[in-house]
Structure formats: C-alpha cells, structure tokens
Amino acid sequence: MAVAKFLIDANLPYRFSLWSGENFQYVMDINERMTDSEIWSYARSNEWVVVTKDADFSHLAMLSVPPPWVVHICLGNLKMREFHQRISSQWRWIEDHILEFRMIRVFNDRVEAIG
C-alpha cells in the first residue's frame, strides 16, 4: 500500500512532534497566506492528505474523489498536552487507513471513516 503524505493546515499546532518527517508538510512552510482553495489545489496536485480543523475541507471531500483526502480534527479547543494525547492514540490507525477512505473525522469519543 502507498504511504500517505500529510499537509498540516495552519489551524493546527506548528511543528507538532507527531507530524514530523518527510511525509509531513506544513501550510505555514509553503505560504502562510494560502487560501482554502489554494491548499485544496496544492494537496490535489501533489496527492497529499489535508489535516485540518476547518469544516470547509470536509465539505469539499464529500463533493470530490480523492486526492486529496481529509483528516478533519473535531476536538474543539484543548490544551496541547490533551490534544497530543488524543491524536497520538488514534494517529497510527489514521495513517494506516486514510488512503482507503475519502475522509476521516476525529472526535473526542470516536473516529469516523467516510468512504
């Protein structure tokens, strides 16, 4: 199976330890003023997964065929430690399965994979 590459949106922690390495890129490192449509186009043309808290990307994912794929983080505002704990407990599964679905939504009490 192919390895997913993740584009981390500006609304998420910058330089988050879990999201480091060659398969991760931050919007802030490309252009911090990118619009949602520019992010979507960039992710599509480069076959990246958009990781975001922005619901607009969920709507786009439902209207199109991947790429890009979307990981929509629906955790609300959390302290960094709690955010890290919640994402860390689910991230390996997300990495292993995102390319099977068009979108994965991460909630406080569950993870939803949407075909």
PDB file of N, CA and C in Angstrom:
ATOM      1  N   MET A   1       0.844  -1.180   0.000  1.00  0.00           N
ATOM      2  CA  MET A   1       0.000   0.000   0.000  1.00  0.00           C
ATOM      3  C   MET A   1       0.889   1.243   0.000  1.00  0.00           C
ATOM      4  N   ALA A   2       0.420   2.272  -0.658  1.00  0.00           N
ATOM      5  CA  ALA A   2       1.146   3.542  -0.707  1.00  0.00           C
ATOM      6  C   ALA A   2       1.199   4.184   0.680  1.00  0.00           C
ATOM      7  N   VAL A   3       2.202   5.003   0.867  1.00  0.00           N
ATOM      8  CA  VAL A   3       2.351   5.725   2.124  1.00  0.00           C
ATOM      9  C   VAL A   3       1.714   7.101   1.959  1.00  0.00           C
ATOM     10  N   ALA A   4       0.869   7.483   2.891  1.00  0.00           N
ATOM     11  CA  ALA A   4       0.201   8.779   2.839  1.00  0.00           C
ATOM     12  C   ALA A   4       1.178   9.900   3.167  1.00  0.00           C
ATOM     13  N   LYS A   5       0.964  11.041   2.517  1.00  0.00           N
ATOM     14  CA  LYS A   5       1.716  12.258   2.799  1.00  0.00           C
ATOM     15  C   LYS A   5       0.706  13.274   3.322  1.00  0.00           C
ATOM     16  N   PHE A   6       1.062  13.973   4.379  1.00  0.00           N
ATOM     17  CA  PHE A   6       0.119  14.824   5.090  1.00  0.00           C
ATOM     18  C   PHE A   6       0.494  16.292   5.010  1.00  0.00           C
ATOM     19  N   LEU A   7      -0.491  17.117   4.647  1.00  0.00           N
ATOM     20  CA  LEU A   7      -0.352  18.564   4.608  1.00  0.00           C
ATOM     21  C   LEU A   7      -1.105  19.121   5.809  1.00  0.00           C
ATOM     22  N   ILE A   8      -0.365  19.699   6.754  1.00  0.00           N
ATOM     23  CA  ILE A   8      -0.940  20.157   8.013  1.00  0.00           C
ATOM     24  C   ILE A   8      -1.380  21.611   7.869  1.00  0.00           C
ATOM     25  N   ASP A   9      -2.674  21.852   8.065  1.00  0.00           N
ATOM     26  CA  ASP A   9      -3.258  23.184   7.908  1.00  0.00           C
ATOM     27  C   ASP A   9      -2.747  24.134   8.992  1.00  0.00           C
ATOM     28  N   ALA A  10      -2.849  25.422   8.710  1.00  0.00           N
ATOM     29  CA  ALA A  10      -2.347  26.462   9.617  1.00  0.00           C
ATOM     30  C   ALA A  10      -3.121  26.529  10.924  1.00  0.00           C
ATOM     31  N   ASN A  11      -4.298  25.931  10.991  1.00  0.00           N
ATOM     32  CA  ASN A  11      -5.091  25.988  12.222  1.00  0.00           C
ATOM     33  C   ASN A  11      -4.714  24.901  13.231  1.00  0.00           C
ATOM     34  N   LEU A  12      -3.667  24.151  12.947  1.00  0.00           N
ATOM     35  CA  LEU A  12      -3.190  23.105  13.849  1.00  0.00           C
ATOM     36  C   LEU A  12      -1.798  23.457  14.363  1.00  0.00           C
ATOM     37  N   PRO A  13      -1.366  22.799  15.456  1.00  0.00           N
ATOM     38  CA  PRO A  13      -0.060  23.136  16.035  1.00  0.00           C
ATOM     39  C   PRO A  13       1.077  23.020  15.017  1.00  0.00           C
ATOM     40  N   TYR A  14       1.879  24.035  14.985  1.00  0.00           N
ATOM     41  CA  TYR A  14       3.025  24.090  14.077  1.00  0.00           C
ATOM     42  C   TYR A  14       4.189  23.332  14.701  1.00  0.00           C
ATOM     43  N   ARG A  15       4.809  22.474  13.914  1.00  0.00           N
ATOM     44  CA  ARG A  15       5.936  21.642  14.362  1.00  0.00           C
ATOM     45  C   ARG A  15       5.533  20.702  15.494  1.00  0.00           C
ATOM     46  N   PHE A  16       4.373  20.103  15.357  1.00  0.00           N
ATOM     47  CA  PHE A  16       3.848  19.115  16.293  1.00  0.00           C
ATOM     48  C   PHE A  16       4.706  17.860  16.166  1.00  0.00           C
ATOM     49  N   SER A  17       5.231  17.338  17.252  1.00  0.00           N
ATOM     50  CA  SER A  17       6.196  16.237  17.202  1.00  0.00           C
ATOM     51  C   SER A  17       5.663  14.997  16.487  1.00  0.00           C
ATOM     52  N   LEU A  18       4.396  14.743  16.577  1.00  0.00           N
ATOM     53  CA  LEU A  18       3.803  13.577  15.933  1.00  0.00           C
ATOM     54  C   LEU A  18       3.828  13.706  14.408  1.00  0.00           C
ATOM     55  N   TRP A  19       3.767  14.953  13.928  1.00  0.00           N
ATOM     56  CA  TRP A  19       3.724  15.217  12.496  1.00  0.00           C
ATOM     57  C   TRP A  19       5.051  15.779  12.021  1.00  0.00           C
ATOM     58  N   SER A  20       6.047  14.918  11.989  1.00  0.00           N
ATOM     59  CA  SER A  20       7.368  15.338  11.531  1.00  0.00           C
ATOM     60  C   SER A  20       7.931  14.274  10.594  1.00  0.00           C
ATOM     61  N   GLY A  21       8.831  14.694   9.744  1.00  0.00           N
ATOM     62  CA  GLY A  21       9.445  13.767   8.806  1.00  0.00           C
ATOM     63  C   GLY A  21       9.055  14.089   7.387  1.00  0.00           C
ATOM     64  N   GLU A  22       9.550  13.284   6.478  1.00  0.00           N
ATOM     65  CA  GLU A  22       9.381  13.563   5.051  1.00  0.00           C
ATOM     66  C   GLU A  22       7.947  13.426   4.560  1.00  0.00           C
ATOM     67  N   ASN A  23       7.085  12.762   5.294  1.00  0.00           N
ATOM     68  CA  ASN A  23       5.693  12.586   4.867  1.00  0.00           C
ATOM     69  C   ASN A  23       4.754  13.652   5.433  1.00  0.00           C
ATOM     70  N   PHE A  24       5.342  14.699   6.016  1.00  0.00           N
ATOM     71  CA  PHE A  24       4.546  15.778   6.591  1.00  0.00           C
ATOM     72  C   PHE A  24       5.061  17.117   6.092  1.00  0.00           C
ATOM     73  N   GLN A  25       4.124  17.979   5.747  1.00  0.00           N
ATOM     74  CA  GLN A  25       4.467  19.330   5.332  1.00  0.00           C
ATOM     75  C   GLN A  25       3.432  20.272   5.945  1.00  0.00           C
ATOM     76  N   TYR A  26       3.892  21.443   6.362  1.00  0.00           N
ATOM     77  CA  TYR A  26       3.015  22.420   6.983  1.00  0.00           C
ATOM     78  C   TYR A  26       2.688  23.530   5.999  1.00  0.00           C
ATOM     79  N   VAL A  27       1.412  23.901   5.947  1.00  0.00           N
ATOM     80  CA  VAL A  27       0.998  25.030   5.115  1.00  0.00           C
ATOM     81  C   VAL A  27       1.844  26.249   5.450  1.00  0.00           C
ATOM     82  N   MET A  28       2.162  26.444   6.715  1.00  0.00           N
ATOM     83  CA  MET A  28       2.967  27.594   7.151  1.00  0.00           C
ATOM     84  C   MET A  28       4.332  27.624   6.462  1.00  0.00           C
ATOM     85  N   ASP A  29       4.861  26.472   6.088  1.00  0.00           N
ATOM     86  CA  ASP A  29       6.155  26.412   5.416  1.00  0.00           C
ATOM     87  C   ASP A  29       6.051  26.655   3.910  1.00  0.00           C
ATOM     88  N   ILE A  30       4.871  26.506   3.363  1.00  0.00           N
ATOM     89  CA  ILE A  30       4.658  26.744   1.936  1.00  0.00           C
ATOM     90  C   ILE A  30       4.326  28.217   1.715  1.00  0.00           C
ATOM     91  N   ASN A  31       3.244  28.653   2.367  1.00  0.00           N
ATOM     92  CA  ASN A  31       2.786  30.034   2.269  1.00  0.00           C
ATOM     93  C   ASN A  31       1.703  30.225   3.319  1.00  0.00           C
ATOM     94  N   GLU A  32       2.006  30.948   4.366  1.00  0.00           N
ATOM     95  CA  GLU A  32       1.056  31.096   5.473  1.00  0.00           C
ATOM     96  C   GLU A  32      -0.222  31.818   5.076  1.00  0.00           C
ATOM     97  N   ARG A  33      -0.248  32.410   3.884  1.00  0.00           N
ATOM     98  CA  ARG A  33      -1.440  33.124   3.430  1.00  0.00           C
ATOM     99  C   ARG A  33      -2.250  32.339   2.397  1.00  0.00           C
ATOM    100  N   MET A  34      -1.973  31.052   2.274  1.00  0.00           N
ATOM    101  CA  MET A  34      -2.723  30.228   1.320  1.00  0.00           C
ATOM    102  C   MET A  34      -4.196  30.207   1.686  1.00  0.00           C
ATOM    103  N   THR A  35      -5.046  30.348   0.683  1.00  0.00           N
ATOM    104  CA  THR A  35      -6.489  30.223   0.898  1.00  0.00           C
ATOM    105  C   THR A  35      -6.851  28.744   0.924  1.00  0.00           C
ATOM    106  N   ASP A  36      -8.065  28.446   1.367  1.00  0.00           N
ATOM    107  CA  ASP A  36      -8.522  27.057   1.375  1.00  0.00           C
ATOM    108  C   ASP A  36      -8.481  26.458  -0.025  1.00  0.00           C
ATOM    109  N   SER A  37      -8.889  27.214  -1.025  1.00  0.00           N
ATOM    110  CA  SER A  37      -8.883  26.670  -2.389  1.00  0.00           C
ATOM    111  C   SER A  37      -7.459  26.421  -2.880  1.00  0.00           C
ATOM    112  N   GLU A  38      -6.516  27.258  -2.481  1.00  0.00           N
ATOM    113  CA  GLU A  38      -5.112  27.028  -2.854  1.00  0.00           C
ATOM    114  C   GLU A  38      -4.554  25.796  -2.147  1.00  0.00           C
ATOM    115  N   ILE A  39      -4.916  25.633  -0.891  1.00  0.00           N
ATOM    116  CA  ILE A  39      -4.489  24.439  -0.144  1.00  0.00           C
ATOM    117  C   ILE A  39      -5.062  23.191  -0.803  1.00  0.00           C
ATOM    118  N   TRP A  40      -6.345  23.242  -1.154  1.00  0.00           N
ATOM    119  CA  TRP A  40      -7.010  22.099  -1.788  1.00  0.00           C
ATOM    120  C   TRP A  40      -6.330  21.743  -3.109  1.00  0.00           C
ATOM    121  N   SER A  41      -6.063  22.741  -3.922  1.00  0.00           N
ATOM    122  CA  SER A  41      -5.414  22.521  -5.225  1.00  0.00           C
ATOM    123  C   SER A  41      -4.010  21.952  -5.050  1.00  0.00           C
ATOM    124  N   TYR A  42      -3.264  22.503  -4.104  1.00  0.00           N
ATOM    125  CA  TYR A  42      -1.913  22.020  -3.838  1.00  0.00           C
ATOM    126  C   TYR A  42      -1.951  20.553  -3.398  1.00  0.00           C
ATOM    127  N   ALA A  43      -2.849  20.252  -2.462  1.00  0.00           N
ATOM    128  CA  ALA A  43      -2.963  18.883  -1.962  1.00  0.00           C
ATOM    129  C   ALA A  43      -3.399  17.931  -3.074  1.00  0.00           C
ATOM    130  N   ARG A  44      -4.310  18.367  -3.905  1.00  0.00           N
ATOM    131  CA  ARG A  44      -4.783  17.520  -5.002  1.00  0.00           C
ATOM    132  C   ARG A  44      -3.661  17.230  -5.996  1.00  0.00           C
ATOM    133  N   SER A  45      -2.960  18.256  -6.416  1.00  0.00           N
ATOM    134  CA  SER A  45      -1.932  18.064  -7.448  1.00  0.00           C
ATOM    135  C   SER A  45      -0.724  17.287  -6.937  1.00  0.00           C
ATOM    136  N   ASN A  46      -0.503  17.300  -5.630  1.00  0.00           N
ATOM    137  CA  ASN A  46       0.637  16.587  -5.046  1.00  0.00           C
ATOM    138  C   ASN A  46       0.236  15.309  -4.306  1.00  0.00           C
ATOM    139  N   GLU A  47      -1.057  14.976  -4.331  1.00  0.00           N
ATOM    140  CA  GLU A  47      -1.600  13.785  -3.678  1.00  0.00           C
ATOM    141  C   GLU A  47      -1.314  13.736  -2.182  1.00  0.00           C
ATOM    142  N   TRP A  48      -1.622  14.838  -1.504  1.00  0.00           N
ATOM    143  CA  TRP A  48      -1.455  14.947  -0.064  1.00  0.00           C
ATOM    144  C   TRP A  48      -2.794  14.757   0.637  1.00  0.00           C
ATOM    145  N   VAL A  49      -2.732  14.395   1.898  1.00  0.00           N
ATOM    146  CA  VAL A  49      -3.881  14.356   2.796  1.00  0.00           C
ATOM    147  C   VAL A  49      -3.894  15.684   3.538  1.00  0.00           C
ATOM    148  N   VAL A  50      -5.025  16.378   3.538  1.00  0.00           N
ATOM    149  CA  VAL A  50      -5.150  17.633   4.283  1.00  0.00           C
ATOM    150  C   VAL A  50      -5.576  17.286   5.707  1.00  0.00           C
ATOM    151  N   VAL A  51      -4.799  17.722   6.689  1.00  0.00           N
ATOM    152  CA  VAL A  51      -5.130  17.539   8.101  1.00  0.00           C
ATOM    153  C   VAL A  51      -5.535  18.911   8.610  1.00  0.00           C
ATOM    154  N   THR A  52      -6.754  19.027   9.127  1.00  0.00           N
ATOM    155  CA  THR A  52      -7.304  20.342   9.431  1.00  0.00           C
ATOM    156  C   THR A  52      -8.369  20.291  10.516  1.00  0.00           C
ATOM    157  N   LYS A  53      -8.679  21.456  11.064  1.00  0.00           N
ATOM    158  CA  LYS A  53      -9.834  21.620  11.939  1.00  0.00           C
ATOM    159  C   LYS A  53     -10.957  22.334  11.191  1.00  0.00           C
ATOM    160  N   ASP A  54     -10.718  22.715   9.966  1.00  0.00           N
ATOM    161  CA  ASP A  54     -11.626  23.514   9.153  1.00  0.00           C
ATOM    162  C   ASP A  54     -12.680  22.629   8.485  1.00  0.00           C
ATOM    163  N   ALA A  55     -13.942  22.828   8.831  1.00  0.00           N
ATOM    164  CA  ALA A  55     -15.035  22.023   8.276  1.00  0.00           C
ATOM    165  C   ALA A  55     -15.196  22.212   6.770  1.00  0.00           C
ATOM    166  N   ASP A  56     -14.716  23.316   6.216  1.00  0.00           N
ATOM    167  CA  ASP A  56     -14.832  23.532   4.773  1.00  0.00           C
ATOM    168  C   ASP A  56     -14.175  22.403   3.987  1.00  0.00           C
ATOM    169  N   PHE A  57     -13.076  21.873   4.490  1.00  0.00           N
ATOM    170  CA  PHE A  57     -12.398  20.781   3.797  1.00  0.00           C
ATOM    171  C   PHE A  57     -13.216  19.490   3.843  1.00  0.00           C
ATOM    172  N   SER A  58     -13.969  19.284   4.909  1.00  0.00           N
ATOM    173  CA  SER A  58     -14.863  18.120   4.980  1.00  0.00           C
ATOM    174  C   SER A  58     -15.917  18.204   3.892  1.00  0.00           C
ATOM    175  N   HIS A  59     -16.463  19.389   3.693  1.00  0.00           N
ATOM    176  CA  HIS A  59     -17.473  19.576   2.653  1.00  0.00           C
ATOM    177  C   HIS A  59     -16.876  19.315   1.271  1.00  0.00           C
ATOM    178  N   LEU A  60     -15.686  19.823   1.031  1.00  0.00           N
ATOM    179  CA  LEU A  60     -15.018  19.586  -0.253  1.00  0.00           C
ATOM    180  C   LEU A  60     -14.762  18.092  -0.473  1.00  0.00           C
ATOM    181  N   ALA A  61     -14.343  17.411   0.581  1.00  0.00           N
ATOM    182  CA  ALA A  61     -14.053  15.978   0.470  1.00  0.00           C
ATOM    183  C   ALA A  61     -15.304  15.186   0.102  1.00  0.00           C
ATOM    184  N   MET A  62     -16.449  15.612   0.598  1.00  0.00           N
ATOM    185  CA  MET A  62     -17.688  14.903   0.304  1.00  0.00           C
ATOM    186  C   MET A  62     -18.146  15.131  -1.137  1.00  0.00           C
ATOM    187  N   LEU A  63     -17.668  16.187  -1.758  1.00  0.00           N
ATOM    188  CA  LEU A  63     -18.083  16.524  -3.115  1.00  0.00           C
ATOM    189  C   LEU A  63     -17.108  16.072  -4.195  1.00  0.00           C
ATOM    190  N   SER A  64     -15.985  15.467  -3.799  1.00  0.00           N
ATOM    191  CA  SER A  64     -14.987  15.100  -4.790  1.00  0.00           C
ATOM    192  C   SER A  64     -14.418  13.714  -4.508  1.00  0.00           C
ATOM    193  N   VAL A  65     -13.665  13.233  -5.465  1.00  0.00           N
ATOM    194  CA  VAL A  65     -12.995  11.939  -5.346  1.00  0.00           C
ATOM    195  C   VAL A  65     -11.530  12.217  -5.029  1.00  0.00           C
ATOM    196  N   PRO A  66     -10.937  11.498  -4.074  1.00  0.00           N
ATOM    197  CA  PRO A  66      -9.529  11.747  -3.741  1.00  0.00           C
ATOM    198  C   PRO A  66      -8.601  11.538  -4.923  1.00  0.00           C
ATOM    199  N   PRO A  67      -7.463  12.182  -4.941  1.00  0.00           N
ATOM    200  CA  PRO A  67      -6.955  13.081  -3.914  1.00  0.00           C
ATOM    201  C   PRO A  67      -7.579  14.466  -4.019  1.00  0.00           C
ATOM    202  N   PRO A  68      -7.457  15.282  -3.001  1.00  0.00           N
ATOM    203  CA  PRO A  68      -6.853  14.962  -1.711  1.00  0.00           C
ATOM    204  C   PRO A  68      -7.820  14.231  -0.788  1.00  0.00           C
ATOM    205  N   TRP A  69      -7.265  13.661   0.223  1.00  0.00           N
ATOM    206  CA  TRP A  69      -8.016  13.052   1.304  1.00  0.00           C
ATOM    207  C   TRP A  69      -8.024  14.060   2.439  1.00  0.00           C
ATOM    208  N   VAL A  70      -8.908  13.870   3.415  1.00  0.00           N
ATOM    209  CA  VAL A  70      -9.009  14.824   4.519  1.00  0.00           C
ATOM    210  C   VAL A  70      -9.058  14.085   5.849  1.00  0.00           C
ATOM    211  N   VAL A  71      -8.264  14.573   6.806  1.00  0.00           N
ATOM    212  CA  VAL A  71      -8.395  14.190   8.205  1.00  0.00           C
ATOM    213  C   VAL A  71      -8.927  15.439   8.898  1.00  0.00           C
ATOM    214  N   HIS A  72     -10.185  15.367   9.322  1.00  0.00           N
ATOM    215  CA  HIS A  72     -10.837  16.514   9.968  1.00  0.00           C
ATOM    216  C   HIS A  72     -10.802  16.303  11.475  1.00  0.00           C
ATOM    217  N   ILE A  73     -10.051  17.141  12.157  1.00  0.00           N
ATOM    218  CA  ILE A  73      -9.905  17.067  13.616  1.00  0.00           C
ATOM    219  C   ILE A  73     -11.047  17.866  14.235  1.00  0.00           C
ATOM    220  N   CYS A  74     -11.954  17.173  14.917  1.00  0.00           N
ATOM    221  CA  CYS A  74     -13.147  17.797  15.506  1.00  0.00           C
ATOM    222  C   CYS A  74     -13.078  17.728  17.030  1.00  0.00           C
ATOM    223  N   LEU A  75     -11.980  18.178  17.587  1.00  0.00           N
ATOM    224  CA  LEU A  75     -11.769  18.059  19.027  1.00  0.00           C
ATOM    225  C   LEU A  75     -12.068  19.332  19.806  1.00  0.00           C
ATOM    226  N   GLY A  76     -12.320  20.415  19.119  1.00  0.00           N
ATOM    227  CA  GLY A  76     -12.518  21.676  19.826  1.00  0.00           C
ATOM    228  C   GLY A  76     -11.199  22.194  20.363  1.00  0.00           C
ATOM    229  N   ASN A  77     -11.275  23.128  21.277  1.00  0.00           N
ATOM    230  CA  ASN A  77     -10.069  23.725  21.856  1.00  0.00           C
ATOM    231  C   ASN A  77      -9.599  22.900  23.046  1.00  0.00           C
ATOM    232  N   LEU A  78      -8.385  22.408  22.939  1.00  0.00           N
ATOM    233  CA  LEU A  78      -7.784  21.605  24.008  1.00  0.00           C
ATOM    234  C   LEU A  78      -6.406  22.160  24.336  1.00  0.00           C
ATOM    235  N   LYS A  79      -5.950  21.908  25.539  1.00  0.00           N
ATOM    236  CA  LYS A  79      -4.564  22.215  25.869  1.00  0.00           C
ATOM    237  C   LYS A  79      -3.679  21.292  25.035  1.00  0.00           C
ATOM    238  N   MET A  80      -2.475  21.740  24.744  1.00  0.00           N
ATOM    239  CA  MET A  80      -1.574  20.989  23.862  1.00  0.00           C
ATOM    240  C   MET A  80      -1.354  19.555  24.351  1.00  0.00           C
ATOM    241  N   ARG A  81      -1.178  19.369  25.620  1.00  0.00           N
ATOM    242  CA  ARG A  81      -0.940  18.019  26.156  1.00  0.00           C
ATOM    243  C   ARG A  81      -2.125  17.088  25.865  1.00  0.00           C
ATOM    244  N   GLU A  82      -3.332  17.585  26.114  1.00  0.00           N
ATOM    245  CA  GLU A  82      -4.526  16.777  25.871  1.00  0.00           C
ATOM    246  C   GLU A  82      -4.722  16.531  24.373  1.00  0.00           C
ATOM    247  N   PHE A  83      -4.470  17.547  23.552  1.00  0.00           N
ATOM    248  CA  PHE A  83      -4.556  17.391  22.099  1.00  0.00           C
ATOM    249  C   PHE A  83      -3.591  16.298  21.641  1.00  0.00           C
ATOM    250  N   HIS A  84      -2.368  16.367  22.104  1.00  0.00           N
ATOM    251  CA  HIS A  84      -1.352  15.373  21.733  1.00  0.00           C
ATOM    252  C   HIS A  84      -1.784  13.969  22.157  1.00  0.00           C
ATOM    253  N   GLN A  85      -2.301  13.828  23.357  1.00  0.00           N
ATOM    254  CA  GLN A  85      -2.731  12.505  23.837  1.00  0.00           C
ATOM    255  C   GLN A  85      -3.853  11.939  22.967  1.00  0.00           C
ATOM    256  N   ARG A  86      -4.824  12.768  22.649  1.00  0.00           N
ATOM    257  CA  ARG A  86      -5.968  12.289  21.856  1.00  0.00           C
ATOM    258  C   ARG A  86      -5.536  11.903  20.440  1.00  0.00           C
ATOM    259  N   ILE A  87      -4.753  12.767  19.802  1.00  0.00           N
ATOM    260  CA  ILE A  87      -4.318  12.479  18.435  1.00  0.00           C
ATOM    261  C   ILE A  87      -3.356  11.291  18.412  1.00  0.00           C
ATOM    262  N   SER A  88      -2.440  11.240  19.367  1.00  0.00           N
ATOM    263  CA  SER A  88      -1.459  10.143  19.413  1.00  0.00           C
ATOM    264  C   SER A  88      -2.131   8.786  19.535  1.00  0.00           C
ATOM    265  N   SER A  89      -3.209   8.727  20.292  1.00  0.00           N
ATOM    266  CA  SER A  89      -3.880   7.440  20.498  1.00  0.00           C
ATOM    267  C   SER A  89      -4.564   6.933  19.230  1.00  0.00           C
ATOM    268  N   GLN A  90      -4.831   7.816  18.276  1.00  0.00           N
ATOM    269  CA  GLN A  90      -5.526   7.437  17.054  1.00  0.00           C
ATOM    270  C   GLN A  90      -4.657   7.504  15.794  1.00  0.00           C
ATOM    271  N   TRP A  91      -3.506   8.188  15.872  1.00  0.00           N
ATOM    272  CA  TRP A  91      -2.784   8.549  14.657  1.00  0.00           C
ATOM    273  C   TRP A  91      -2.304   7.353  13.835  1.00  0.00           C
ATOM    274  N   ARG A  92      -1.800   6.320  14.444  1.00  0.00           N
ATOM    275  CA  ARG A  92      -1.289   5.169  13.695  1.00  0.00           C
ATOM    276  C   ARG A  92      -2.396   4.570  12.837  1.00  0.00           C
ATOM    277  N   TRP A  93      -3.581   4.421  13.400  1.00  0.00           N
ATOM    278  CA  TRP A  93      -4.710   3.891  12.633  1.00  0.00           C
ATOM    279  C   TRP A  93      -5.058   4.823  11.475  1.00  0.00           C
ATOM    280  N   ILE A  94      -5.074   6.128  11.737  1.00  0.00           N
ATOM    281  CA  ILE A  94      -5.369   7.109  10.687  1.00  0.00           C
ATOM    282  C   ILE A  94      -4.354   6.989   9.557  1.00  0.00           C
ATOM    283  N   GLU A  95      -3.077   6.971   9.890  1.00  0.00           N
ATOM    284  CA  GLU A  95      -2.023   6.838   8.866  1.00  0.00           C
ATOM    285  C   GLU A  95      -2.191   5.571   8.034  1.00  0.00           C
ATOM    286  N   ASP A  96      -2.530   4.484   8.695  1.00  0.00           N
ATOM    287  CA  ASP A  96      -2.641   3.196   8.012  1.00  0.00           C
ATOM    288  C   ASP A  96      -3.873   3.088   7.117  1.00  0.00           C
ATOM    289  N   HIS A  97      -4.918   3.883   7.394  1.00  0.00           N
ATOM    290  CA  HIS A  97      -6.192   3.697   6.701  1.00  0.00           C
ATOM    291  C   HIS A  97      -6.693   4.878   5.878  1.00  0.00           C
ATOM    292  N   ILE A  98      -6.089   6.041   5.971  1.00  0.00           N
ATOM    293  CA  ILE A  98      -6.650   7.217   5.297  1.00  0.00           C
ATOM    294  C   ILE A  98      -6.804   7.026   3.794  1.00  0.00           C
ATOM    295  N   LEU A  99      -5.888   6.359   3.140  1.00  0.00           N
ATOM    296  CA  LEU A  99      -5.972   6.218   1.686  1.00  0.00           C
ATOM    297  C   LEU A  99      -7.094   5.273   1.240  1.00  0.00           C
ATOM    298  N   GLU A 100      -7.715   4.578   2.197  1.00  0.00           N
ATOM    299  CA  GLU A 100      -8.856   3.714   1.902  1.00  0.00           C
ATOM    300  C   GLU A 100     -10.167   4.495   1.876  1.00  0.00           C
ATOM    301  N   PHE A 101     -10.154   5.706   2.430  1.00  0.00           N
ATOM    302  CA  PHE A 101     -11.365   6.496   2.593  1.00  0.00           C
ATOM    303  C   PHE A 101     -11.154   7.879   1.997  1.00  0.00           C
ATOM    304  N   ARG A 102     -12.223   8.615   1.795  1.00  0.00           N
ATOM    305  CA  ARG A 102     -12.050   9.993   1.326  1.00  0.00           C
ATOM    306  C   ARG A 102     -11.818  10.933   2.499  1.00  0.00           C
ATOM    307  N   MET A 103     -12.303  10.539   3.693  1.00  0.00           N
ATOM    308  CA  MET A 103     -12.144  11.407   4.850  1.00  0.00           C
ATOM    309  C   MET A 103     -12.211  10.592   6.138  1.00  0.00           C
ATOM    310  N   ILE A 104     -11.447  11.058   7.126  1.00  0.00           N
ATOM    311  CA  ILE A 104     -11.544  10.528   8.483  1.00  0.00           C
ATOM    312  C   ILE A 104     -11.792  11.720   9.398  1.00  0.00           C
ATOM    313  N   ARG A 105     -12.803  11.597  10.254  1.00  0.00           N
ATOM    314  CA  ARG A 105     -13.103  12.637  11.242  1.00  0.00           C
ATOM    315  C   ARG A 105     -12.728  12.106  12.622  1.00  0.00           C
ATOM    316  N   VAL A 106     -12.009  12.943  13.370  1.00  0.00           N
ATOM    317  CA  VAL A 106     -11.552  12.570  14.705  1.00  0.00           C
ATOM    318  C   VAL A 106     -12.329  13.379  15.730  1.00  0.00           C
ATOM    319  N   PHE A 107     -13.102  12.692  16.573  1.00  0.00           N
ATOM    320  CA  PHE A 107     -13.894  13.311  17.628  1.00  0.00           C
ATOM    321  C   PHE A 107     -13.302  12.921  18.980  1.00  0.00           C
ATOM    322  N   ASN A 108     -13.815  13.528  20.038  1.00  0.00           N
ATOM    323  CA  ASN A 108     -13.344  13.211  21.386  1.00  0.00           C
ATOM    324  C   ASN A 108     -13.574  11.745  21.744  1.00  0.00           C
ATOM    325  N   ASP A 109     -14.690  11.187  21.291  1.00  0.00           N
ATOM    326  CA  ASP A 109     -15.073   9.836  21.704  1.00  0.00           C
ATOM    327  C   ASP A 109     -15.038   8.796  20.601  1.00  0.00           C
ATOM    328  N   ARG A 110     -14.647   9.205  19.371  1.00  0.00           N
ATOM    329  CA  ARG A 110     -14.654   8.239  18.280  1.00  0.00           C
ATOM    330  C   ARG A 110     -13.899   8.781  17.064  1.00  0.00           C
ATOM    331  N   VAL A 111     -13.663   7.860  16.127  1.00  0.00           N
ATOM    332  CA  VAL A 111     -13.094   8.208  14.833  1.00  0.00           C
ATOM    333  C   VAL A 111     -14.058   7.663  13.784  1.00  0.00           C
ATOM    334  N   GLU A 112     -14.413   8.503  12.809  1.00  0.00           N
ATOM    335  CA  GLU A 112     -15.303   8.087  11.742  1.00  0.00           C
ATOM    336  C   GLU A 112     -14.536   8.073  10.417  1.00  0.00           C
ATOM    337  N   ALA A 113     -14.635   6.975   9.702  1.00  0.00           N
ATOM    338  CA  ALA A 113     -14.036   6.869   8.367  1.00  0.00           C
ATOM    339  C   ALA A 113     -15.171   6.917   7.352  1.00  0.00           C
ATOM    340  N   ILE A 114     -15.041   7.815   6.393  1.00  0.00           N
ATOM    341  CA  ILE A 114     -16.105   8.039   5.413  1.00  0.00           C
ATOM    342  C   ILE A 114     -15.576   7.696   4.027  1.00  0.00           C
ATOM    343  N   GLY A 115     -16.260   6.730   3.393  1.00  0.00           N
ATOM    344  CA  GLY A 115     -15.839   6.173   2.131  1.00  0.00           C
ATOM    345  C   GLY A 115     -15.879   7.083   0.994  1.00  0.00           C
TER     346      GLY A 115
END
